[in-house]
Amino acid sequence: MKADINLALGALVESAQKSRLLRILRITALASITLILIASVSLFLLINSTSTDKIKKEEDKILFSIKYLHDKEAKILIINERLNGISKILGSRGNYDLLMNAFLQKIPQDTSVDSFGVDKNKIVLTVSSDSLSSMDDLIDSFIDMVEKQQIIKNLTIESLTSDRISGIYILSIKADRL
């Protein structure tokens, strides 16, 4: 037999490959641990370098501006709702200015208006004067309006009174609107 045959050689080659593989794994593990350690320390320093007070102040500022804008939006919505309500009221309301002007033009100069009420269906007017002829002119002008179908369709004299002490006559008229 041959004495120079070494049977252990195959085991040594296999052992050398395993030790080289273990060395590569150890180097890779150490590199991974080092990389994770560096990343963790960097992240820790980055977090601590930004001030939490500064971030908290910015957050409070943003929340305040959002609250302010929300309050402003609520006020604008309330104002818009009120404007819509006013528009509806004005739309349903008759044009009383023209009606009042038409009546006031018929009142003689020496007659004063004590009360004047207008609604959808009727007009109530109380006037006073120291002259019965002025009252007659006023009644005639209102009767003329009824005949011409201008603004009123009928006229009712509620009362005609006189004050003997002051010499003033008071006339109350009620008229139905067209």
N, C-alpha and C. Protein backbone atom coordinates (compact mmCIF):
# COMPACT_ATOMS: atom_id res chain seq x y z
N MET A 1 0.77 -1.16 0.00
CA MET A 1 0.00 0.00 0.00
C MET A 1 0.83 1.24 0.00
N LYS A 2 0.16 2.21 -0.34
CA LYS A 2 0.89 3.45 -0.43
C LYS A 2 0.80 4.18 0.88
N ALA A 3 1.86 4.62 1.32
CA ALA A 3 1.91 5.33 2.58
C ALA A 3 1.74 6.82 2.38
N ASP A 4 1.89 7.32 1.22
CA ASP A 4 1.81 8.77 1.02
C ASP A 4 0.38 9.25 0.70
N ILE A 5 -0.56 8.40 0.74
CA ILE A 5 -1.95 8.82 0.51
C ILE A 5 -2.48 9.41 1.81
N ASN A 6 -2.96 10.60 1.71
CA ASN A 6 -3.51 11.30 2.88
C ASN A 6 -5.03 11.35 2.72
N LEU A 7 -5.69 10.65 3.53
CA LEU A 7 -7.15 10.60 3.45
C LEU A 7 -7.81 11.80 4.13
N ALA A 8 -7.10 12.50 4.92
CA ALA A 8 -7.64 13.64 5.66
C ALA A 8 -7.69 14.89 4.80
N LEU A 9 -7.13 14.87 3.64
CA LEU A 9 -7.07 16.06 2.79
C LEU A 9 -8.45 16.55 2.39
N GLY A 10 -9.37 15.72 2.07
CA GLY A 10 -10.74 16.10 1.69
C GLY A 10 -11.43 16.78 2.85
N ALA A 11 -11.20 16.35 4.07
CA ALA A 11 -11.83 16.96 5.24
C ALA A 11 -11.26 18.34 5.48
N LEU A 12 -9.96 18.53 5.22
CA LEU A 12 -9.34 19.85 5.42
C LEU A 12 -9.86 20.85 4.41
N VAL A 13 -10.04 20.45 3.18
CA VAL A 13 -10.55 21.35 2.14
C VAL A 13 -11.97 21.77 2.48
N GLU A 14 -12.72 20.80 2.92
CA GLU A 14 -14.09 21.10 3.29
C GLU A 14 -14.13 22.01 4.50
N SER A 15 -13.28 21.83 5.44
CA SER A 15 -13.19 22.65 6.65
C SER A 15 -12.74 24.06 6.30
N ALA A 16 -11.85 24.23 5.35
CA ALA A 16 -11.37 25.55 4.94
C ALA A 16 -12.49 26.32 4.26
N GLN A 17 -13.31 25.67 3.46
CA GLN A 17 -14.43 26.35 2.80
C GLN A 17 -15.47 26.82 3.82
N LYS A 18 -15.72 25.98 4.82
CA LYS A 18 -16.69 26.35 5.85
C LYS A 18 -16.18 27.52 6.67
N SER A 19 -14.89 27.51 6.98
CA SER A 19 -14.34 28.61 7.79
C SER A 19 -14.36 29.91 6.99
N ARG A 20 -14.12 29.85 5.68
CA ARG A 20 -14.18 31.04 4.85
C ARG A 20 -15.62 31.56 4.77
N LEU A 21 -16.59 30.67 4.65
CA LEU A 21 -18.00 31.05 4.63
C LEU A 21 -18.40 31.67 5.96
N LEU A 22 -17.94 31.12 7.05
CA LEU A 22 -18.23 31.68 8.38
C LEU A 22 -17.60 33.06 8.53
N ARG A 23 -16.40 33.24 8.02
CA ARG A 23 -15.73 34.54 8.09
C ARG A 23 -16.54 35.59 7.30
N ILE A 24 -17.04 35.23 6.11
CA ILE A 24 -17.85 36.15 5.29
C ILE A 24 -19.14 36.50 6.04
N LEU A 25 -19.76 35.50 6.64
CA LEU A 25 -20.99 35.74 7.40
C LEU A 25 -20.74 36.65 8.60
N ARG A 26 -19.61 36.45 9.29
CA ARG A 26 -19.28 37.30 10.44
C ARG A 26 -19.04 38.74 10.00
N ILE A 27 -18.33 38.92 8.90
CA ILE A 27 -18.06 40.27 8.39
C ILE A 27 -19.37 40.94 7.98
N THR A 28 -20.24 40.19 7.31
CA THR A 28 -21.54 40.73 6.89
C THR A 28 -22.38 41.10 8.11
N ALA A 29 -22.39 40.26 9.12
CA ALA A 29 -23.17 40.53 10.34
C ALA A 29 -22.63 41.77 11.04
N LEU A 30 -21.31 41.88 11.15
CA LEU A 30 -20.71 43.06 11.79
C LEU A 30 -21.00 44.33 10.99
N ALA A 31 -20.94 44.24 9.66
CA ALA A 31 -21.24 45.40 8.82
C ALA A 31 -22.70 45.81 8.98
N SER A 32 -23.62 44.84 9.04
CA SER A 32 -25.04 45.14 9.23
C SER A 32 -25.29 45.79 10.58
N ILE A 33 -24.69 45.25 11.62
CA ILE A 33 -24.84 45.83 12.97
C ILE A 33 -24.29 47.24 13.00
N THR A 34 -23.12 47.45 12.36
CA THR A 34 -22.52 48.79 12.32
C THR A 34 -23.42 49.76 11.56
N LEU A 35 -23.95 49.32 10.45
CA LEU A 35 -24.85 50.17 9.65
C LEU A 35 -26.11 50.53 10.43
N ILE A 36 -26.71 49.57 11.12
CA ILE A 36 -27.90 49.83 11.93
C ILE A 36 -27.57 50.77 13.07
N LEU A 37 -26.41 50.59 13.69
CA LEU A 37 -25.98 51.45 14.79
C LEU A 37 -25.80 52.89 14.29
N ILE A 38 -25.14 53.06 13.16
CA ILE A 38 -24.93 54.41 12.60
C ILE A 38 -26.27 55.05 12.24
N ALA A 39 -27.17 54.27 11.62
CA ALA A 39 -28.49 54.81 11.26
C ALA A 39 -29.28 55.20 12.50
N SER A 40 -29.25 54.39 13.54
CA SER A 40 -29.98 54.69 14.78
C SER A 40 -29.45 55.95 15.45
N VAL A 41 -28.12 56.07 15.53
CA VAL A 41 -27.52 57.25 16.15
C VAL A 41 -27.85 58.50 15.33
N SER A 42 -27.78 58.38 14.01
CA SER A 42 -28.10 59.53 13.14
C SER A 42 -29.57 59.95 13.32
N LEU A 43 -30.46 58.99 13.35
CA LEU A 43 -31.87 59.29 13.54
C LEU A 43 -32.12 59.92 14.91
N PHE A 44 -31.47 59.41 15.94
CA PHE A 44 -31.59 59.97 17.28
C PHE A 44 -31.12 61.42 17.31
N LEU A 45 -29.97 61.68 16.69
CA LEU A 45 -29.45 63.05 16.66
C LEU A 45 -30.35 63.97 15.85
N LEU A 46 -30.89 63.48 14.76
CA LEU A 46 -31.79 64.28 13.93
C LEU A 46 -33.06 64.64 14.69
N ILE A 47 -33.62 63.68 15.40
CA ILE A 47 -34.83 63.94 16.18
C ILE A 47 -34.55 64.94 17.29
N ASN A 48 -33.46 64.79 17.96
CA ASN A 48 -33.13 65.70 19.07
C ASN A 48 -32.68 67.07 18.60
N SER A 49 -32.20 67.16 17.37
CA SER A 49 -31.73 68.47 16.89
C SER A 49 -32.90 69.40 16.58
N THR A 50 -34.06 68.85 16.16
CA THR A 50 -35.24 69.69 15.94
C THR A 50 -35.94 69.88 17.27
N SER A 51 -36.22 71.13 17.59
CA SER A 51 -36.80 71.48 18.88
C SER A 51 -38.29 71.14 18.90
N THR A 52 -38.73 70.45 19.91
CA THR A 52 -40.15 70.14 20.04
C THR A 52 -40.96 71.39 20.36
N ASP A 53 -40.33 72.35 21.02
CA ASP A 53 -41.04 73.61 21.30
C ASP A 53 -41.37 74.35 20.01
N LYS A 54 -40.41 74.35 19.09
CA LYS A 54 -40.62 75.03 17.82
C LYS A 54 -41.76 74.36 17.04
N ILE A 55 -41.75 73.05 17.03
CA ILE A 55 -42.80 72.31 16.34
C ILE A 55 -44.15 72.55 17.02
N LYS A 56 -44.17 72.57 18.34
CA LYS A 56 -45.40 72.82 19.09
C LYS A 56 -45.94 74.22 18.80
N LYS A 57 -45.05 75.21 18.70
CA LYS A 57 -45.47 76.58 18.38
C LYS A 57 -46.08 76.64 16.98
N GLU A 58 -45.45 75.97 16.03
CA GLU A 58 -45.98 75.93 14.66
C GLU A 58 -47.35 75.25 14.63
N GLU A 59 -47.48 74.17 15.38
CA GLU A 59 -48.76 73.47 15.45
C GLU A 59 -49.84 74.37 16.04
N ASP A 60 -49.52 75.07 17.13
CA ASP A 60 -50.49 75.98 17.75
C ASP A 60 -50.88 77.10 16.79
N LYS A 61 -49.89 77.61 16.06
CA LYS A 61 -50.16 78.69 15.10
C LYS A 61 -51.11 78.20 14.00
N ILE A 62 -50.86 77.02 13.49
CA ILE A 62 -51.71 76.46 12.43
C ILE A 62 -53.12 76.19 12.97
N LEU A 63 -53.21 75.63 14.18
CA LEU A 63 -54.53 75.37 14.77
C LEU A 63 -55.30 76.66 15.00
N PHE A 64 -54.60 77.71 15.44
CA PHE A 64 -55.26 79.01 15.65
C PHE A 64 -55.78 79.57 14.33
N SER A 65 -54.96 79.46 13.28
CA SER A 65 -55.41 80.00 11.98
C SER A 65 -56.60 79.20 11.45
N ILE A 66 -56.61 77.89 11.69
CA ILE A 66 -57.75 77.08 11.26
C ILE A 66 -59.00 77.48 12.05
N LYS A 67 -58.85 77.68 13.36
CA LYS A 67 -59.98 78.09 14.20
C LYS A 67 -60.48 79.46 13.76
N TYR A 68 -59.56 80.38 13.49
CA TYR A 68 -59.94 81.73 13.05
C TYR A 68 -60.70 81.67 11.74
N LEU A 69 -60.22 80.85 10.81
CA LEU A 69 -60.90 80.71 9.52
C LEU A 69 -62.27 80.06 9.70
N HIS A 70 -62.37 79.11 10.63
CA HIS A 70 -63.66 78.46 10.89
C HIS A 70 -64.65 79.48 11.46
N ASP A 71 -64.20 80.31 12.40
CA ASP A 71 -65.07 81.35 12.96
C ASP A 71 -65.51 82.33 11.88
N LYS A 72 -64.58 82.69 11.01
CA LYS A 72 -64.89 83.62 9.93
C LYS A 72 -65.92 82.99 8.98
N GLU A 73 -65.72 81.71 8.67
CA GLU A 73 -66.65 81.01 7.79
C GLU A 73 -68.04 80.95 8.41
N ALA A 74 -68.11 80.69 9.72
CA ALA A 74 -69.40 80.64 10.40
C ALA A 74 -70.09 82.00 10.35
N LYS A 75 -69.34 83.07 10.55
CA LYS A 75 -69.92 84.42 10.49
C LYS A 75 -70.42 84.73 9.09
N ILE A 76 -69.66 84.34 8.09
CA ILE A 76 -70.08 84.59 6.70
C ILE A 76 -71.35 83.81 6.39
N LEU A 77 -71.45 82.57 6.86
CA LEU A 77 -72.66 81.78 6.62
C LEU A 77 -73.87 82.42 7.30
N ILE A 78 -73.69 82.93 8.52
CA ILE A 78 -74.80 83.59 9.22
C ILE A 78 -75.23 84.84 8.47
N ILE A 79 -74.25 85.63 8.02
CA ILE A 79 -74.57 86.86 7.28
C ILE A 79 -75.30 86.52 5.98
N ASN A 80 -74.84 85.50 5.28
CA ASN A 80 -75.50 85.10 4.02
C ASN A 80 -76.94 84.64 4.29
N GLU A 81 -77.14 83.91 5.38
CA GLU A 81 -78.48 83.45 5.72
C GLU A 81 -79.40 84.64 6.02
N ARG A 82 -78.88 85.60 6.76
CA ARG A 82 -79.68 86.79 7.07
C ARG A 82 -79.99 87.60 5.81
N LEU A 83 -79.00 87.72 4.93
CA LEU A 83 -79.24 88.45 3.68
C LEU A 83 -80.30 87.77 2.83
N ASN A 84 -80.27 86.44 2.80
CA ASN A 84 -81.31 85.70 2.06
C ASN A 84 -82.68 85.94 2.67
N GLY A 85 -82.76 85.96 4.00
CA GLY A 85 -84.03 86.23 4.67
C GLY A 85 -84.53 87.63 4.37
N ILE A 86 -83.63 88.60 4.40
CA ILE A 86 -84.01 89.99 4.09
C ILE A 86 -84.48 90.09 2.64
N SER A 87 -83.79 89.41 1.75
CA SER A 87 -84.18 89.43 0.33
C SER A 87 -85.58 88.85 0.14
N LYS A 88 -85.89 87.77 0.86
CA LYS A 88 -87.23 87.19 0.76
C LYS A 88 -88.28 88.16 1.28
N ILE A 89 -87.97 88.82 2.39
CA ILE A 89 -88.93 89.78 2.96
C ILE A 89 -89.13 90.94 2.00
N LEU A 90 -88.04 91.47 1.47
CA LEU A 90 -88.16 92.59 0.54
C LEU A 90 -88.89 92.18 -0.74
N GLY A 91 -88.70 90.95 -1.16
CA GLY A 91 -89.39 90.47 -2.36
C GLY A 91 -90.88 90.31 -2.15
N SER A 92 -91.27 89.90 -0.94
CA SER A 92 -92.70 89.72 -0.68
C SER A 92 -93.39 91.01 -0.26
N ARG A 93 -92.62 91.99 0.14
CA ARG A 93 -93.19 93.26 0.58
C ARG A 93 -93.55 94.11 -0.63
N GLY A 94 -94.66 94.77 -0.52
CA GLY A 94 -95.08 95.66 -1.60
C GLY A 94 -94.25 96.92 -1.62
N ASN A 95 -94.39 97.67 -2.70
CA ASN A 95 -93.65 98.92 -2.83
C ASN A 95 -94.48 100.02 -2.17
N TYR A 96 -94.24 100.25 -0.90
CA TYR A 96 -95.02 101.22 -0.14
C TYR A 96 -94.60 102.65 -0.41
N ASP A 97 -93.43 102.87 -0.91
CA ASP A 97 -92.97 104.24 -1.17
C ASP A 97 -93.85 104.93 -2.21
N LEU A 98 -94.12 104.24 -3.30
CA LEU A 98 -94.97 104.83 -4.34
C LEU A 98 -96.38 105.08 -3.83
N LEU A 99 -96.89 104.14 -3.05
CA LEU A 99 -98.22 104.27 -2.49
C LEU A 99 -98.30 105.46 -1.54
N MET A 100 -97.34 105.58 -0.67
CA MET A 100 -97.32 106.70 0.28
C MET A 100 -97.19 108.03 -0.44
N ASN A 101 -96.33 108.08 -1.43
CA ASN A 101 -96.17 109.33 -2.19
C ASN A 101 -97.46 109.73 -2.90
N ALA A 102 -98.17 108.74 -3.45
CA ALA A 102 -99.43 109.03 -4.13
C ALA A 102 -100.46 109.61 -3.16
N PHE A 103 -100.50 109.08 -1.95
CA PHE A 103 -101.43 109.60 -0.95
C PHE A 103 -101.00 110.96 -0.42
N LEU A 104 -99.73 111.11 -0.14
CA LEU A 104 -99.24 112.37 0.44
C LEU A 104 -99.37 113.53 -0.55
N GLN A 105 -99.34 113.24 -1.84
CA GLN A 105 -99.52 114.30 -2.84
C GLN A 105 -100.95 114.83 -2.84
N LYS A 106 -101.89 114.01 -2.41
CA LYS A 106 -103.30 114.41 -2.39
C LYS A 106 -103.66 115.25 -1.16
N ILE A 107 -102.78 115.31 -0.20
CA ILE A 107 -103.07 116.03 1.04
C ILE A 107 -102.76 117.52 0.85
N PRO A 108 -103.72 118.40 1.17
CA PRO A 108 -103.50 119.85 1.02
C PRO A 108 -102.40 120.35 1.95
N GLN A 109 -101.89 121.53 1.64
CA GLN A 109 -100.76 122.11 2.37
C GLN A 109 -101.08 122.38 3.84
N ASP A 110 -102.27 122.85 4.13
CA ASP A 110 -102.59 123.23 5.51
C ASP A 110 -103.15 122.06 6.32
N THR A 111 -102.94 120.85 5.84
CA THR A 111 -103.40 119.64 6.54
C THR A 111 -102.17 118.85 6.97
N SER A 112 -102.20 118.36 8.21
CA SER A 112 -101.07 117.57 8.70
C SER A 112 -101.50 116.11 8.89
N VAL A 113 -100.56 115.21 8.65
CA VAL A 113 -100.81 113.77 8.79
C VAL A 113 -100.45 113.37 10.21
N ASP A 114 -101.45 112.85 10.94
CA ASP A 114 -101.21 112.40 12.31
C ASP A 114 -100.77 110.94 12.34
N SER A 115 -101.38 110.11 11.50
CA SER A 115 -100.95 108.71 11.41
C SER A 115 -101.23 108.19 10.00
N PHE A 116 -100.40 107.25 9.60
CA PHE A 116 -100.52 106.69 8.26
C PHE A 116 -100.11 105.23 8.36
N GLY A 117 -101.04 104.31 8.09
CA GLY A 117 -100.74 102.88 8.17
C GLY A 117 -101.08 102.19 6.87
N VAL A 118 -100.17 101.32 6.42
CA VAL A 118 -100.36 100.60 5.17
C VAL A 118 -100.05 99.13 5.41
N ASP A 119 -100.92 98.26 4.92
CA ASP A 119 -100.60 96.84 4.89
C ASP A 119 -101.06 96.27 3.55
N LYS A 120 -101.15 94.95 3.44
CA LYS A 120 -101.47 94.34 2.15
C LYS A 120 -102.83 94.75 1.62
N ASN A 121 -103.81 94.85 2.51
CA ASN A 121 -105.19 95.03 2.06
C ASN A 121 -105.78 96.41 2.32
N LYS A 122 -105.23 97.14 3.25
CA LYS A 122 -105.89 98.40 3.60
C LYS A 122 -104.90 99.51 3.92
N ILE A 123 -105.46 100.71 3.92
CA ILE A 123 -104.70 101.91 4.26
C ILE A 123 -105.52 102.66 5.30
N VAL A 124 -104.87 103.06 6.38
CA VAL A 124 -105.53 103.82 7.43
C VAL A 124 -104.80 105.15 7.55
N LEU A 125 -105.57 106.24 7.53
CA LEU A 125 -104.98 107.58 7.52
C LEU A 125 -105.75 108.47 8.49
N THR A 126 -105.02 109.20 9.31
CA THR A 126 -105.62 110.20 10.20
C THR A 126 -104.93 111.52 9.92
N VAL A 127 -105.74 112.53 9.59
CA VAL A 127 -105.20 113.86 9.28
C VAL A 127 -105.91 114.90 10.14
N SER A 128 -105.27 116.04 10.30
CA SER A 128 -105.89 117.13 11.05
C SER A 128 -105.64 118.45 10.33
N SER A 129 -106.62 119.36 10.48
CA SER A 129 -106.52 120.67 9.84
C SER A 129 -107.43 121.64 10.58
N ASP A 130 -107.16 122.91 10.43
CA ASP A 130 -108.04 123.91 11.03
C ASP A 130 -109.07 124.42 10.02
N SER A 131 -109.09 123.81 8.83
CA SER A 131 -110.01 124.25 7.78
C SER A 131 -110.84 123.07 7.28
N LEU A 132 -112.16 123.22 7.31
CA LEU A 132 -113.04 122.18 6.78
C LEU A 132 -112.94 122.09 5.26
N SER A 133 -112.65 123.18 4.60
CA SER A 133 -112.51 123.14 3.14
C SER A 133 -111.30 122.29 2.73
N SER A 134 -110.24 122.31 3.51
CA SER A 134 -109.08 121.44 3.23
C SER A 134 -109.46 119.98 3.40
N MET A 135 -110.28 119.69 4.41
CA MET A 135 -110.74 118.32 4.61
C MET A 135 -111.62 117.89 3.43
N ASP A 136 -112.46 118.81 2.95
CA ASP A 136 -113.32 118.52 1.80
C ASP A 136 -112.48 118.24 0.55
N ASP A 137 -111.44 119.04 0.33
CA ASP A 137 -110.55 118.81 -0.82
C ASP A 137 -109.88 117.45 -0.72
N LEU A 138 -109.46 117.09 0.48
CA LEU A 138 -108.81 115.80 0.71
C LEU A 138 -109.77 114.65 0.40
N ILE A 139 -110.98 114.74 0.92
CA ILE A 139 -111.97 113.68 0.67
C ILE A 139 -112.30 113.60 -0.82
N ASP A 140 -112.45 114.75 -1.47
CA ASP A 140 -112.73 114.75 -2.91
C ASP A 140 -111.61 114.09 -3.72
N SER A 141 -110.35 114.36 -3.34
CA SER A 141 -109.23 113.76 -4.08
C SER A 141 -109.19 112.25 -3.87
N PHE A 142 -109.54 111.78 -2.66
CA PHE A 142 -109.57 110.33 -2.42
C PHE A 142 -110.74 109.67 -3.14
N ILE A 143 -111.88 110.36 -3.21
CA ILE A 143 -113.03 109.83 -3.96
C ILE A 143 -112.67 109.73 -5.44
N ASP A 144 -111.95 110.72 -5.93
CA ASP A 144 -111.49 110.70 -7.32
C ASP A 144 -110.58 109.48 -7.57
N MET A 145 -109.72 109.15 -6.59
CA MET A 145 -108.85 107.97 -6.71
C MET A 145 -109.68 106.68 -6.79
N VAL A 146 -110.77 106.63 -6.01
CA VAL A 146 -111.63 105.44 -6.04
C VAL A 146 -112.31 105.32 -7.39
N GLU A 147 -112.81 106.43 -7.91
CA GLU A 147 -113.50 106.40 -9.21
C GLU A 147 -112.57 106.01 -10.35
N LYS A 148 -111.32 106.46 -10.27
CA LYS A 148 -110.35 106.14 -11.33
C LYS A 148 -109.64 104.80 -11.08
N GLN A 149 -110.00 104.14 -9.99
CA GLN A 149 -109.37 102.87 -9.61
C GLN A 149 -107.85 103.01 -9.49
N GLN A 150 -107.42 104.05 -8.79
CA GLN A 150 -106.00 104.28 -8.52
C GLN A 150 -105.72 103.90 -7.07
N ILE A 151 -105.01 102.87 -6.85
CA ILE A 151 -104.49 102.41 -5.56
C ILE A 151 -105.59 101.89 -4.63
N ILE A 152 -106.72 102.59 -4.51
CA ILE A 152 -107.77 102.16 -3.59
C ILE A 152 -109.06 101.85 -4.34
N LYS A 153 -109.83 100.88 -3.79
CA LYS A 153 -111.08 100.51 -4.46
C LYS A 153 -112.31 101.02 -3.72
N ASN A 154 -112.19 101.31 -2.43
CA ASN A 154 -113.29 101.96 -1.72
C ASN A 154 -112.72 102.79 -0.57
N LEU A 155 -113.54 103.68 -0.07
CA LEU A 155 -113.11 104.63 0.95
C LEU A 155 -114.17 104.68 2.04
N THR A 156 -113.73 104.61 3.29
CA THR A 156 -114.64 104.70 4.43
C THR A 156 -114.14 105.79 5.37
N ILE A 157 -115.03 106.73 5.69
CA ILE A 157 -114.67 107.76 6.67
C ILE A 157 -115.01 107.18 8.03
N GLU A 158 -114.00 106.92 8.80
CA GLU A 158 -114.18 106.32 10.12
C GLU A 158 -114.73 107.36 11.10
N SER A 159 -114.14 108.55 11.08
CA SER A 159 -114.63 109.59 11.99
C SER A 159 -114.20 110.96 11.50
N LEU A 160 -115.00 111.94 11.89
CA LEU A 160 -114.66 113.35 11.66
C LEU A 160 -115.02 114.06 12.96
N THR A 161 -114.00 114.52 13.65
CA THR A 161 -114.22 115.17 14.95
C THR A 161 -113.62 116.55 14.93
N SER A 162 -114.11 117.36 15.86
CA SER A 162 -113.56 118.71 15.97
C SER A 162 -113.23 118.99 17.43
N ASP A 163 -112.18 119.75 17.61
CA ASP A 163 -111.78 120.19 18.94
C ASP A 163 -112.15 121.66 19.04
N ARG A 164 -113.16 121.99 19.88
CA ARG A 164 -113.65 123.36 19.97
C ARG A 164 -112.61 124.31 20.54
N ILE A 165 -111.79 123.82 21.42
CA ILE A 165 -110.80 124.70 22.06
C ILE A 165 -109.73 125.12 21.06
N SER A 166 -109.16 124.15 20.33
CA SER A 166 -108.08 124.47 19.39
C SER A 166 -108.60 124.81 18.00
N GLY A 167 -109.83 124.44 17.70
CA GLY A 167 -110.40 124.72 16.38
C GLY A 167 -109.85 123.82 15.30
N ILE A 168 -109.40 122.63 15.66
CA ILE A 168 -108.80 121.69 14.70
C ILE A 168 -109.80 120.57 14.44
N TYR A 169 -109.89 120.17 13.17
CA TYR A 169 -110.74 119.06 12.75
C TYR A 169 -109.84 117.85 12.50
N ILE A 170 -110.30 116.68 12.96
CA ILE A 170 -109.53 115.44 12.80
C ILE A 170 -110.37 114.47 11.98
N LEU A 171 -109.77 113.95 10.91
CA LEU A 171 -110.45 113.04 9.99
C LEU A 171 -109.70 111.71 9.96
N SER A 172 -110.45 110.62 10.18
CA SER A 172 -109.87 109.27 10.09
C SER A 172 -110.50 108.56 8.91
N ILE A 173 -109.65 108.04 8.04
CA ILE A 173 -110.10 107.39 6.80
C ILE A 173 -109.51 105.99 6.74
N LYS A 174 -110.34 105.07 6.26
CA LYS A 174 -109.87 103.70 6.00
C LYS A 174 -110.20 103.39 4.55
N ALA A 175 -109.24 102.85 3.82
CA ALA A 175 -109.44 102.53 2.40
C ALA A 175 -108.92 101.13 2.12
N ASP A 176 -109.63 100.41 1.25
CA ASP A 176 -109.18 99.08 0.83
C ASP A 176 -108.33 99.22 -0.43
N ARG A 177 -107.20 98.53 -0.43
CA ARG A 177 -106.28 98.60 -1.56
C ARG A 177 -106.76 97.74 -2.71
N LEU A 178 -106.33 98.12 -3.89
CA LEU A 178 -106.61 97.30 -5.08
C LEU A 178 -105.76 96.05 -5.07
